[in-house]
Protein backbone atom coordinates (compact mmCIF):
# COMPACT_ATOMS: atom_id res chain seq x y z
CA MET A 1 18.71 33.14 25.56
CA ILE A 2 16.09 32.08 28.10
CA LYS A 3 12.90 31.02 26.34
CA PRO A 4 9.69 32.80 27.43
CA LEU A 5 8.28 31.33 30.63
CA ARG A 6 4.69 31.59 31.84
CA ILE A 7 4.43 33.02 35.35
CA VAL A 8 1.88 30.97 37.28
CA GLN A 9 2.26 32.43 40.76
CA ASN A 10 3.15 35.48 42.82
CA ALA A 11 4.24 34.62 46.36
CA TYR A 12 4.47 36.62 49.56
CA VAL A 13 6.26 35.92 52.82
CA VAL A 14 3.88 36.76 55.68
CA ARG A 15 4.31 36.96 59.45
CA ASP A 16 1.07 35.13 60.25
CA LEU A 17 -0.75 32.97 57.71
CA GLU A 18 -4.28 33.33 59.10
CA THR A 19 -4.02 37.10 59.41
CA ALA A 20 -2.61 37.38 55.89
CA CYS A 21 -5.46 35.26 54.48
CA ILE A 22 -7.99 37.55 56.15
CA GLU A 23 -6.26 40.69 54.84
CA PHE A 24 -5.84 39.38 51.26
CA ASN A 25 -9.51 38.40 51.26
CA ARG A 26 -10.55 41.80 52.65
CA ILE A 27 -8.38 43.81 50.26
CA LEU A 28 -8.51 41.66 47.09
CA GLY A 29 -11.72 39.67 47.60
CA VAL A 30 -9.91 36.36 46.90
CA GLY A 31 -10.71 33.05 48.54
CA PRO A 32 -10.71 30.41 49.70
CA PHE A 33 -7.10 29.74 50.62
CA VAL A 34 -6.07 26.12 50.17
CA GLY A 35 -3.44 24.63 52.47
CA GLY A 36 -2.48 25.92 55.89
CA THR A 37 -0.64 22.97 57.41
CA GLU A 38 3.03 23.01 58.39
CA PHE A 39 5.51 21.03 56.32
CA GLU A 40 9.21 20.74 55.73
CA LEU A 41 11.34 21.28 52.65
CA GLY A 42 14.08 18.67 53.00
CA SER A 43 17.37 17.91 51.27
CA HIS A 44 17.94 21.66 51.32
CA VAL A 45 20.98 23.08 49.55
CA TYR A 46 21.52 26.77 50.29
CA ARG A 47 23.89 28.58 47.93
CA GLY A 48 25.74 25.35 47.15
CA PHE A 49 26.01 23.96 50.69
CA ASP A 50 23.87 21.46 52.61
CA ALA A 51 21.55 23.34 54.97
CA ASP A 52 18.88 22.68 57.55
CA PRO A 53 15.39 21.95 56.21
CA ILE A 54 12.97 24.85 55.82
CA LYS A 55 9.80 24.58 57.91
CA LEU A 56 6.86 26.64 56.73
CA ARG A 57 3.12 26.93 56.30
CA ILE A 58 1.67 27.92 52.96
CA ALA A 59 -1.70 28.57 51.40
CA PHE A 60 -2.64 29.01 47.75
CA VAL A 61 -5.48 31.20 46.51
CA GLN A 62 -6.55 31.88 42.95
CA SER A 63 -7.04 35.32 41.43
CA GLY A 64 -8.18 34.80 37.84
CA ASP A 65 -5.42 32.89 36.05
CA LEU A 66 -2.82 33.82 38.67
CA ASN A 67 -2.13 31.74 41.77
CA ILE A 68 -1.10 33.63 44.91
CA GLU A 69 0.93 31.86 47.57
CA LEU A 70 1.27 33.05 51.15
CA VAL A 71 4.29 31.64 53.03
CA GLN A 72 4.74 31.77 56.80
CA LEU A 73 8.25 30.72 57.83
CA MET A 74 8.38 28.43 60.85
CA SER A 75 12.17 28.04 61.04
CA ASN A 76 15.17 30.33 60.92
CA ALA A 77 17.37 28.19 58.67
CA PRO A 78 19.31 30.20 56.09
CA SER A 79 17.28 30.13 52.88
CA ALA A 80 16.11 32.09 49.87
CA PHE A 81 13.27 33.32 52.08
CA HIS A 82 15.58 34.77 54.74
CA ASP A 83 17.77 36.31 52.05
CA MET A 84 14.95 38.80 51.57
CA PHE A 85 13.08 38.91 54.89
CA SER A 86 13.89 38.51 58.58
CA SER A 87 11.28 36.75 60.69
CA ASP A 88 9.58 40.05 61.60
CA GLN A 89 9.22 41.24 57.97
CA GLN A 90 6.90 40.36 55.13
CA GLY A 91 6.45 41.18 51.48
CA PHE A 92 6.60 40.00 47.88
CA HIS A 93 9.15 37.20 47.53
CA HIS A 94 8.95 35.34 44.21
CA GLN A 95 7.24 34.45 40.98
CA ALA A 96 6.90 30.77 40.07
CA VAL A 97 7.11 29.04 36.70
CA PHE A 98 6.77 25.43 35.55
CA CYS A 99 9.68 24.17 33.41
CA ASP A 100 9.60 21.60 30.63
CA ASP A 101 13.20 20.74 31.56
CA TYR A 102 13.85 21.75 35.17
CA CYS A 103 17.62 21.12 35.22
CA ALA A 104 18.25 22.84 31.88
CA GLN A 105 16.17 25.88 32.91
CA ARG A 106 17.92 26.13 36.29
CA ASP A 107 21.34 25.87 34.64
CA GLU A 108 20.40 28.49 32.05
CA PHE A 109 19.49 30.99 34.78
CA VAL A 110 22.80 30.28 36.51
CA ALA A 111 24.69 30.78 33.23
CA HIS A 112 22.99 34.20 32.92
CA GLY A 113 24.22 35.29 36.36
CA CYS A 114 21.25 34.29 38.49
CA PRO A 115 22.45 31.83 41.15
CA VAL A 116 20.40 29.15 42.87
CA ALA A 117 19.67 30.48 46.36
CA SER A 118 17.82 27.42 47.73
CA GLU A 119 17.11 24.04 46.18
CA PHE A 120 15.28 21.23 47.91
CA THR A 121 13.09 18.21 47.51
CA VAL A 122 9.44 18.23 48.54
CA SER A 123 8.00 15.24 50.46
CA TRP A 124 6.78 13.43 47.34
CA GLY A 125 10.16 13.72 45.59
CA ALA A 126 9.91 16.72 43.25
CA GLN A 127 12.93 19.01 43.24
CA ILE A 128 12.30 22.77 43.17
CA CYS A 129 14.52 25.82 43.56
CA TYR A 130 14.62 29.55 44.05
CA ILE A 131 16.73 31.49 41.58
CA ASP A 132 18.14 34.75 42.94
CA ALA A 133 17.16 37.29 40.29
CA ARG A 134 16.93 40.24 42.67
CA HIS A 135 19.63 42.18 40.81
CA LEU A 136 17.50 42.00 37.64
CA VAL A 137 13.84 41.98 38.74
CA GLY A 138 13.88 42.64 42.48
CA HIS A 139 12.77 39.18 43.62
CA MET A 140 13.38 35.43 43.48
CA ILE A 141 12.07 33.11 40.74
CA GLU A 142 10.80 29.68 41.77
CA LEU A 143 11.29 26.86 39.27
CA TYR A 144 8.95 23.86 39.30
CA PRO A 145 9.38 20.69 37.26
CA GLN A 146 6.37 19.32 35.41
CA ASP A 147 4.90 17.32 38.31
CA ALA A 148 1.45 15.76 38.71
CA ILE A 149 1.13 16.53 42.43
CA LEU A 150 2.14 20.19 42.02
CA ALA A 151 -0.28 20.49 39.10
CA ASP A 152 -3.02 19.00 41.28
CA LEU A 153 -2.37 21.52 44.07
CA TYR A 154 -2.80 24.34 41.56
CA SER A 155 -5.93 22.67 40.20
CA GLN A 156 -7.40 22.43 43.70
CA SER A 157 -6.82 26.15 44.22
CA ARG A 158 -8.55 27.04 40.93
CA GLU A 159 -11.50 24.74 41.61
CA ALA A 160 -11.92 26.00 45.18
CA ALA A 161 -12.08 29.60 43.94
CA ARG A 162 -14.59 28.66 41.25
CA THR A 163 -16.97 26.93 43.69
CA TRP A 164 -16.37 28.89 46.91
CA ASP A 165 -19.49 29.66 48.91
CA GLY A 166 -17.74 32.39 50.93
CA LYS A 167 -17.81 30.42 54.19
CA ASP A 168 -14.52 28.71 55.14
CA LEU A 169 -11.63 31.05 54.35
CA ILE A 170 -8.90 28.38 54.70
CA ILE A 171 -9.49 24.82 53.53
CA PRO A 172 -7.03 21.91 53.60
CA TRP A 173 -5.41 20.37 50.55
CA ARG A 174 -6.53 16.94 49.47
CA MET A 175 -3.25 15.06 49.08
CA ALA A 176 -3.56 12.25 46.55
């Protein structure tokens, strides 16, 4: 049985990152959004096969204890993102959780009938994946390892929300 996991993030695929930030701020009152630059998810394995990297832009924003991620796809490579949305669509895509044992948690999901849709390595070396749980919960589940840089990105989002003066809606990450 899968042990209880703490959901730390809800993520949405959006057509345009800036427009989505404006709309989420207008509708939910959240801000500022941290991130905004384009980056690449390399060493991509899509449904068990080597695949092209995923290029995207993301921004994090905090809403209480929950992080919200907005993802604008910049490439058309097959991926967990395109499994749910074509480039002209947007909507809720995944929930993210941190794992004490990334590989064991990933393998446990697979053993329970939830395949790995996309797995890749981020630029600083952490491996993350999207578990296809659509047949059970209607969306993907993103698994993170315990990683200092990922934890810092979340921390920056929480701190930015706590101290935001309402001026700049999108602010860059400080990469350590």
